[in-house]
Amino acid sequence: MSLEWFDRVSGELQDHLKSICEKYDRNGNLIVERGSKHPRIEFYTELDDNERDYFATLFFDPYNEEFYMESFEPDLGQISKVILSDIEDIVDAVHESFHNYLEEEDDDDYEYDMDDDNDDLYDPDGNDSEIYEIDVDWETPEVTAYIQDNEVEVTYQFGIVQETGDGVLKRINRIRTADDDLIKDETNFIFSKEEASTIIAMIASHMDSLSEME
């Protein structure tokens, strides 16, 4: 049983999809769930209220070392499994699922302007506050570090700042409240190559002292 093929595809899939589909590049995301019996990659778009709208799930069978998708067959009334033998088949299947999802959505509800994120912030003192954007090349998809009963989820994503070459670690904490509202808290930690080795060494030497999340 090996996850080497799963990890390779997980690392390369987002770049493949972004390179062939402009709409996916703007709106598509994926998250990796590695801890399941059959690890999976889930694909989604993020709505204005921070909710995720999932459109495809890619499963991995670690015993047979193969990827597959599940499809409901209405004529048979059962779920079938579609084996995807290589990364080209995987990209095609996810790409097709994405466009099927878009066709089902109202264009007015789905299309949004990413430039809205660049609007000036309101300053209570009456001054405009300027937002400075940092261009980041995300090297990994969002990887789930912790999940509990679909109520709490913590993910991490690693990237490189284009201008400086520094590393970026993005942490997203999503909490589902009793009223079924989704609270999303995002933090970004930027560090240099020299800092990275120190951080890794400090964490590694104190791993035994850490407690598990409850």
C-alpha atoms as a PDB file:
ATOM      1  CA  MET A   1       0.000   0.000   0.000  1.00  0.00           C
ATOM      2  CA  SER A   2       1.548   3.316  -1.079  1.00  0.00           C
ATOM      3  CA  LEU A   3       0.386   6.947  -1.259  1.00  0.00           C
ATOM      4  CA  GLU A   4       3.263   8.058  -3.487  1.00  0.00           C
ATOM      5  CA  TRP A   5       1.014   8.267  -6.589  1.00  0.00           C
ATOM      6  CA  PHE A   6      -1.687  10.057  -4.585  1.00  0.00           C
ATOM      7  CA  ASP A   7       0.783  12.655  -3.260  1.00  0.00           C
ATOM      8  CA  ARG A   8       2.232  13.270  -6.724  1.00  0.00           C
ATOM      9  CA  VAL A   9      -1.176  13.854  -8.294  1.00  0.00           C
ATOM     10  CA  SER A  10      -2.293  15.999  -5.344  1.00  0.00           C
ATOM     11  CA  GLY A  11       0.709  18.255  -5.848  1.00  0.00           C
ATOM     12  CA  GLU A  12       0.399  18.602  -9.626  1.00  0.00           C
ATOM     13  CA  LEU A  13      -3.351  18.565 -10.271  1.00  0.00           C
ATOM     14  CA  GLN A  14      -4.181  22.180  -9.423  1.00  0.00           C
ATOM     15  CA  ASP A  15      -1.528  23.535 -11.815  1.00  0.00           C
ATOM     16  CA  HIS A  16      -2.734  21.224 -14.611  1.00  0.00           C
ATOM     17  CA  LEU A  17      -6.332  22.379 -14.224  1.00  0.00           C
ATOM     18  CA  LYS A  18      -5.409  26.068 -14.034  1.00  0.00           C
ATOM     19  CA  SER A  19      -3.296  25.795 -17.174  1.00  0.00           C
ATOM     20  CA  ILE A  20      -6.085  24.390 -19.358  1.00  0.00           C
ATOM     21  CA  CYS A  21      -9.113  26.266 -17.989  1.00  0.00           C
ATOM     22  CA  GLU A  22      -9.298  29.992 -17.363  1.00  0.00           C
ATOM     23  CA  LYS A  23     -12.576  29.709 -15.435  1.00  0.00           C
ATOM     24  CA  TYR A  24     -11.102  27.086 -13.117  1.00  0.00           C
ATOM     25  CA  ASP A  25      -8.032  29.268 -12.637  1.00  0.00           C
ATOM     26  CA  ARG A  26     -10.294  32.068 -11.360  1.00  0.00           C
ATOM     27  CA  ASN A  27     -12.748  30.082  -9.277  1.00  0.00           C
ATOM     28  CA  GLY A  28     -11.721  26.450  -8.788  1.00  0.00           C
ATOM     29  CA  ASN A  29     -10.117  25.102  -5.635  1.00  0.00           C
ATOM     30  CA  LEU A  30      -9.250  21.730  -4.208  1.00  0.00           C
ATOM     31  CA  ILE A  31      -8.652  20.315  -0.770  1.00  0.00           C
ATOM     32  CA  VAL A  32      -6.789  17.105   0.102  1.00  0.00           C
ATOM     33  CA  GLU A  33      -8.108  14.654   2.714  1.00  0.00           C
ATOM     34  CA  ARG A  34      -5.252  12.231   3.277  1.00  0.00           C
ATOM     35  CA  GLY A  35      -6.360  10.572   6.514  1.00  0.00           C
ATOM     36  CA  SER A  36      -9.301   8.533   5.198  1.00  0.00           C
ATOM     37  CA  LYS A  37      -9.213   4.810   4.386  1.00  0.00           C
ATOM     38  CA  HIS A  38      -9.568   5.905   0.770  1.00  0.00           C
ATOM     39  CA  PRO A  39      -7.865   9.336   0.598  1.00  0.00           C
ATOM     40  CA  ARG A  40      -9.682  11.874  -1.565  1.00  0.00           C
ATOM     41  CA  ILE A  41      -9.330  15.208  -3.311  1.00  0.00           C
ATOM     42  CA  GLU A  42     -12.441  17.388  -3.226  1.00  0.00           C
ATOM     43  CA  PHE A  43     -13.030  20.184  -5.716  1.00  0.00           C
ATOM     44  CA  TYR A  44     -15.109  23.249  -4.970  1.00  0.00           C
ATOM     45  CA  THR A  45     -15.801  26.908  -5.582  1.00  0.00           C
ATOM     46  CA  GLU A  46     -15.995  29.348  -2.701  1.00  0.00           C
ATOM     47  CA  LEU A  47     -19.126  31.463  -2.515  1.00  0.00           C
ATOM     48  CA  ASP A  48     -19.435  35.024  -1.255  1.00  0.00           C
ATOM     49  CA  ASP A  49     -20.508  33.886   2.222  1.00  0.00           C
ATOM     50  CA  ASN A  50     -17.390  31.663   2.557  1.00  0.00           C
ATOM     51  CA  GLU A  51     -19.478  28.548   1.924  1.00  0.00           C
ATOM     52  CA  ARG A  52     -17.968  25.865  -0.295  1.00  0.00           C
ATOM     53  CA  ASP A  53     -19.898  24.535  -3.255  1.00  0.00           C
ATOM     54  CA  TYR A  54     -18.418  21.110  -4.107  1.00  0.00           C
ATOM     55  CA  PHE A  55     -18.615  19.856  -7.665  1.00  0.00           C
ATOM     56  CA  ALA A  56     -16.385  16.753  -7.765  1.00  0.00           C
ATOM     57  CA  THR A  57     -14.619  14.223  -5.538  1.00  0.00           C
ATOM     58  CA  LEU A  58     -11.623  12.187  -6.645  1.00  0.00           C
ATOM     59  CA  PHE A  59     -10.972   9.044  -4.586  1.00  0.00           C
ATOM     60  CA  PHE A  60      -7.793   6.987  -4.299  1.00  0.00           C
ATOM     61  CA  ASP A  61      -7.642   3.258  -3.599  1.00  0.00           C
ATOM     62  CA  PRO A  62      -4.259   2.778  -1.860  1.00  0.00           C
ATOM     63  CA  TYR A  63      -4.370  -1.020  -2.148  1.00  0.00           C
ATOM     64  CA  ASN A  64      -4.755  -1.031  -5.925  1.00  0.00           C
ATOM     65  CA  GLU A  65      -2.980   2.351  -6.248  1.00  0.00           C
ATOM     66  CA  GLU A  66      -5.636   3.791  -8.544  1.00  0.00           C
ATOM     67  CA  PHE A  67      -7.801   6.884  -8.687  1.00  0.00           C
ATOM     68  CA  TYR A  68     -11.531   6.701  -9.289  1.00  0.00           C
ATOM     69  CA  MET A  69     -14.706   8.769  -9.319  1.00  0.00           C
ATOM     70  CA  GLU A  70     -18.164   7.642  -8.313  1.00  0.00           C
ATOM     71  CA  SER A  71     -21.096   8.214 -10.648  1.00  0.00           C
ATOM     72  CA  PHE A  72     -24.785   7.579 -10.012  1.00  0.00           C
ATOM     73  CA  GLU A  73     -26.477   5.599 -12.780  1.00  0.00           C
ATOM     74  CA  PRO A  74     -30.207   6.539 -12.739  1.00  0.00           C
ATOM     75  CA  ASP A  75     -31.184   3.692 -15.075  1.00  0.00           C
ATOM     76  CA  LEU A  76     -29.613   1.121 -12.765  1.00  0.00           C
ATOM     77  CA  GLY A  77     -30.335   2.950  -9.531  1.00  0.00           C
ATOM     78  CA  GLN A  78     -26.812   2.384  -8.284  1.00  0.00           C
ATOM     79  CA  ILE A  79     -23.414   4.049  -8.003  1.00  0.00           C
ATOM     80  CA  SER A  80     -20.691   3.026 -10.433  1.00  0.00           C
ATOM     81  CA  LYS A  81     -16.946   3.504 -10.108  1.00  0.00           C
ATOM     82  CA  VAL A  82     -14.978   5.074 -12.962  1.00  0.00           C
ATOM     83  CA  ILE A  83     -11.267   4.181 -12.887  1.00  0.00           C
ATOM     84  CA  LEU A  84      -8.872   6.950 -13.988  1.00  0.00           C
ATOM     85  CA  SER A  85      -5.580   5.402 -15.006  1.00  0.00           C
ATOM     86  CA  ASP A  86      -3.345   8.445 -15.525  1.00  0.00           C
ATOM     87  CA  ILE A  87      -3.191  12.141 -14.724  1.00  0.00           C
ATOM     88  CA  GLU A  88      -4.525  13.128 -18.175  1.00  0.00           C
ATOM     89  CA  ASP A  89      -7.688  11.100 -17.514  1.00  0.00           C
ATOM     90  CA  ILE A  90      -7.980  12.673 -14.068  1.00  0.00           C
ATOM     91  CA  VAL A  91      -7.628  16.234 -15.412  1.00  0.00           C
ATOM     92  CA  ASP A  92     -10.206  15.544 -18.139  1.00  0.00           C
ATOM     93  CA  ALA A  93     -12.699  14.078 -15.652  1.00  0.00           C
ATOM     94  CA  VAL A  94     -12.410  16.959 -13.185  1.00  0.00           C
ATOM     95  CA  HIS A  95     -12.512  19.519 -15.989  1.00  0.00           C
ATOM     96  CA  GLU A  96     -15.689  17.964 -17.375  1.00  0.00           C
ATOM     97  CA  SER A  97     -17.274  17.890 -13.897  1.00  0.00           C
ATOM     98  CA  PHE A  98     -16.416  21.557 -13.434  1.00  0.00           C
ATOM     99  CA  HIS A  99     -18.101  22.624 -16.673  1.00  0.00           C
ATOM    100  CA  ASN A 100     -21.130  20.435 -15.955  1.00  0.00           C
ATOM    101  CA  TYR A 101     -21.347  22.262 -12.644  1.00  0.00           C
ATOM    102  CA  LEU A 102     -21.117  25.659 -14.367  1.00  0.00           C
ATOM    103  CA  GLU A 103     -23.907  24.755 -16.771  1.00  0.00           C
ATOM    104  CA  GLU A 104     -26.173  24.006 -13.824  1.00  0.00           C
ATOM    105  CA  GLU A 105     -25.442  27.345 -12.188  1.00  0.00           C
ATOM    106  CA  ASP A 106     -27.048  30.654 -13.053  1.00  0.00           C
ATOM    107  CA  ASP A 107     -24.379  32.806 -14.666  1.00  0.00           C
ATOM    108  CA  ASP A 108     -25.509  35.772 -12.591  1.00  0.00           C
ATOM    109  CA  ASP A 109     -25.136  33.792  -9.373  1.00  0.00           C
ATOM    110  CA  TYR A 110     -21.804  32.235 -10.288  1.00  0.00           C
ATOM    111  CA  GLU A 111     -19.749  34.889 -12.074  1.00  0.00           C
ATOM    112  CA  TYR A 112     -18.142  37.446  -9.811  1.00  0.00           C
ATOM    113  CA  ASP A 113     -15.393  39.992 -10.153  1.00  0.00           C
ATOM    114  CA  MET A 114     -12.234  39.002  -8.334  1.00  0.00           C
ATOM    115  CA  ASP A 115     -11.183  42.659  -8.470  1.00  0.00           C
ATOM    116  CA  ASP A 116     -13.822  43.442  -5.831  1.00  0.00           C
ATOM    117  CA  ASP A 117     -11.289  42.229  -3.296  1.00  0.00           C
ATOM    118  CA  ASN A 118      -9.167  45.282  -4.160  1.00  0.00           C
ATOM    119  CA  ASP A 119     -11.750  47.882  -3.105  1.00  0.00           C
ATOM    120  CA  ASP A 120     -10.606  50.484  -0.579  1.00  0.00           C
ATOM    121  CA  LEU A 121     -11.325  49.626   3.029  1.00  0.00           C
ATOM    122  CA  TYR A 122     -13.586  51.926   5.007  1.00  0.00           C
ATOM    123  CA  ASP A 123     -11.694  53.902   7.616  1.00  0.00           C
ATOM    124  CA  PRO A 124     -13.810  55.262  10.503  1.00  0.00           C
ATOM    125  CA  ASP A 125     -11.550  58.351  10.606  1.00  0.00           C
ATOM    126  CA  GLY A 126     -12.666  59.238   7.109  1.00  0.00           C
ATOM    127  CA  ASN A 127      -9.459  58.247   5.318  1.00  0.00           C
ATOM    128  CA  ASP A 128      -9.114  55.640   2.610  1.00  0.00           C
ATOM    129  CA  SER A 129      -6.927  52.662   3.472  1.00  0.00           C
ATOM    130  CA  GLU A 130      -5.080  51.046   0.604  1.00  0.00           C
ATOM    131  CA  ILE A 131      -4.847  47.272   0.279  1.00  0.00           C
ATOM    132  CA  TYR A 132      -1.460  45.950  -0.783  1.00  0.00           C
ATOM    133  CA  GLU A 133      -1.620  42.647  -2.655  1.00  0.00           C
ATOM    134  CA  ILE A 134       1.182  40.110  -2.590  1.00  0.00           C
ATOM    135  CA  ASP A 135       1.482  37.762  -5.567  1.00  0.00           C
ATOM    136  CA  VAL A 136       1.973  34.210  -4.331  1.00  0.00           C
ATOM    137  CA  ASP A 137       2.658  31.028  -6.283  1.00  0.00           C
ATOM    138  CA  TRP A 138       0.838  28.359  -4.285  1.00  0.00           C
ATOM    139  CA  GLU A 139       2.976  25.221  -4.371  1.00  0.00           C
ATOM    140  CA  THR A 140       0.439  22.953  -2.662  1.00  0.00           C
ATOM    141  CA  PRO A 141      -3.348  22.693  -2.509  1.00  0.00           C
ATOM    142  CA  GLU A 142      -5.137  23.180   0.794  1.00  0.00           C
ATOM    143  CA  VAL A 143      -4.234  20.189   2.970  1.00  0.00           C
ATOM    144  CA  THR A 144      -6.479  19.189   5.853  1.00  0.00           C
ATOM    145  CA  ALA A 145      -4.575  19.118   9.144  1.00  0.00           C
ATOM    146  CA  TYR A 146      -7.564  18.603  11.429  1.00  0.00           C
ATOM    147  CA  ILE A 147     -11.283  17.918  11.039  1.00  0.00           C
ATOM    148  CA  GLN A 148     -13.978  17.134  13.608  1.00  0.00           C
ATOM    149  CA  ASP A 149     -17.538  16.079  12.832  1.00  0.00           C
ATOM    150  CA  ASN A 150     -17.855  18.568   9.957  1.00  0.00           C
ATOM    151  CA  GLU A 151     -17.952  21.311  12.594  1.00  0.00           C
ATOM    152  CA  VAL A 152     -14.284  22.310  12.747  1.00  0.00           C
ATOM    153  CA  GLU A 153     -11.735  22.126   9.946  1.00  0.00           C
ATOM    154  CA  VAL A 154      -8.157  23.412   9.849  1.00  0.00           C
ATOM    155  CA  THR A 155      -6.231  23.482   6.569  1.00  0.00           C
ATOM    156  CA  TYR A 156      -2.788  24.649   5.516  1.00  0.00           C
ATOM    157  CA  GLN A 157      -1.369  25.759   2.174  1.00  0.00           C
ATOM    158  CA  PHE A 158       2.241  26.576   1.271  1.00  0.00           C
ATOM    159  CA  GLY A 159       3.341  29.123  -1.317  1.00  0.00           C
ATOM    160  CA  ILE A 160       6.224  31.300  -2.500  1.00  0.00           C
ATOM    161  CA  VAL A 161       6.081  35.106  -2.694  1.00  0.00           C
ATOM    162  CA  GLN A 162       6.891  35.993  -6.311  1.00  0.00           C
ATOM    163  CA  GLU A 163       8.723  39.231  -5.573  1.00  0.00           C
ATOM    164  CA  THR A 164      10.914  38.137  -2.660  1.00  0.00           C
ATOM    165  CA  GLY A 165      11.085  34.335  -2.798  1.00  0.00           C
ATOM    166  CA  ASP A 166       9.939  34.114   0.834  1.00  0.00           C
ATOM    167  CA  GLY A 167       7.713  31.288   1.979  1.00  0.00           C
ATOM    168  CA  VAL A 168       4.051  31.719   2.901  1.00  0.00           C
ATOM    169  CA  LEU A 169       2.075  29.392   5.139  1.00  0.00           C
ATOM    170  CA  LYS A 170      -1.668  30.024   4.978  1.00  0.00           C
ATOM    171  CA  ARG A 171      -3.834  28.627   7.774  1.00  0.00           C
ATOM    172  CA  ILE A 172      -7.626  28.558   7.388  1.00  0.00           C
ATOM    173  CA  ASN A 173      -9.845  27.683  10.317  1.00  0.00           C
ATOM    174  CA  ARG A 174     -13.489  26.973   9.435  1.00  0.00           C
ATOM    175  CA  ILE A 175     -16.079  26.580  12.199  1.00  0.00           C
ATOM    176  CA  ARG A 176     -19.716  25.603  11.726  1.00  0.00           C
ATOM    177  CA  THR A 177     -21.905  27.212  14.419  1.00  0.00           C
ATOM    178  CA  ALA A 178     -25.065  25.801  16.011  1.00  0.00           C
ATOM    179  CA  ASP A 179     -27.076  28.077  13.675  1.00  0.00           C
ATOM    180  CA  ASP A 180     -25.342  26.454  10.675  1.00  0.00           C
ATOM    181  CA  ASP A 181     -23.329  29.602   9.934  1.00  0.00           C
ATOM    182  CA  LEU A 182     -19.784  29.167   8.642  1.00  0.00           C
ATOM    183  CA  ILE A 183     -17.056  31.220  10.303  1.00  0.00           C
ATOM    184  CA  LYS A 184     -13.800  31.425   8.375  1.00  0.00           C
ATOM    185  CA  ASP A 185     -10.570  32.695   9.929  1.00  0.00           C
ATOM    186  CA  GLU A 186      -7.541  33.010   7.662  1.00  0.00           C
ATOM    187  CA  THR A 187      -3.969  33.852   8.692  1.00  0.00           C
ATOM    188  CA  ASN A 188      -0.804  34.052   6.594  1.00  0.00           C
ATOM    189  CA  PHE A 189       2.705  33.617   7.961  1.00  0.00           C
ATOM    190  CA  ILE A 190       5.609  34.822   5.783  1.00  0.00           C
ATOM    191  CA  PHE A 191       9.162  33.653   6.428  1.00  0.00           C
ATOM    192  CA  SER A 192      12.570  33.487   4.754  1.00  0.00           C
ATOM    193  CA  LYS A 193      14.575  30.398   3.844  1.00  0.00           C
ATOM    194  CA  GLU A 194      16.891  31.003   6.810  1.00  0.00           C
ATOM    195  CA  GLU A 195      13.927  31.248   9.174  1.00  0.00           C
ATOM    196  CA  ALA A 196      12.364  28.083   7.757  1.00  0.00           C
ATOM    197  CA  SER A 197      15.200  25.817   8.898  1.00  0.00           C
ATOM    198  CA  THR A 198      15.085  27.319  12.392  1.00  0.00           C
ATOM    199  CA  ILE A 199      11.300  26.923  12.620  1.00  0.00           C
ATOM    200  CA  ILE A 200      11.431  23.292  11.445  1.00  0.00           C
ATOM    201  CA  ALA A 201      14.199  22.459  13.955  1.00  0.00           C
ATOM    202  CA  MET A 202      12.323  24.103  16.851  1.00  0.00           C
ATOM    203  CA  ILE A 203       9.090  22.252  16.074  1.00  0.00           C
ATOM    204  CA  ALA A 204      10.825  18.899  15.538  1.00  0.00           C
ATOM    205  CA  SER A 205      12.651  19.106  18.877  1.00  0.00           C
ATOM    206  CA  HIS A 206       9.416  19.769  20.788  1.00  0.00           C
ATOM    207  CA  MET A 207       6.948  17.502  18.993  1.00  0.00           C
ATOM    208  CA  ASP A 208       6.695  15.136  21.984  1.00  0.00           C
ATOM    209  CA  SER A 209       5.572  18.029  24.182  1.00  0.00           C
ATOM    210  CA  LEU A 210       2.612  18.969  22.004  1.00  0.00           C
ATOM    211  CA  SER A 211      -0.949  17.891  22.777  1.00  0.00           C
ATOM    212  CA  GLU A 212      -3.453  16.695  20.196  1.00  0.00           C
ATOM    213  CA  MET A 213      -6.340  18.987  19.262  1.00  0.00           C
ATOM    214  CA  GLU A 214      -9.607  18.212  21.044  1.00  0.00           C
END
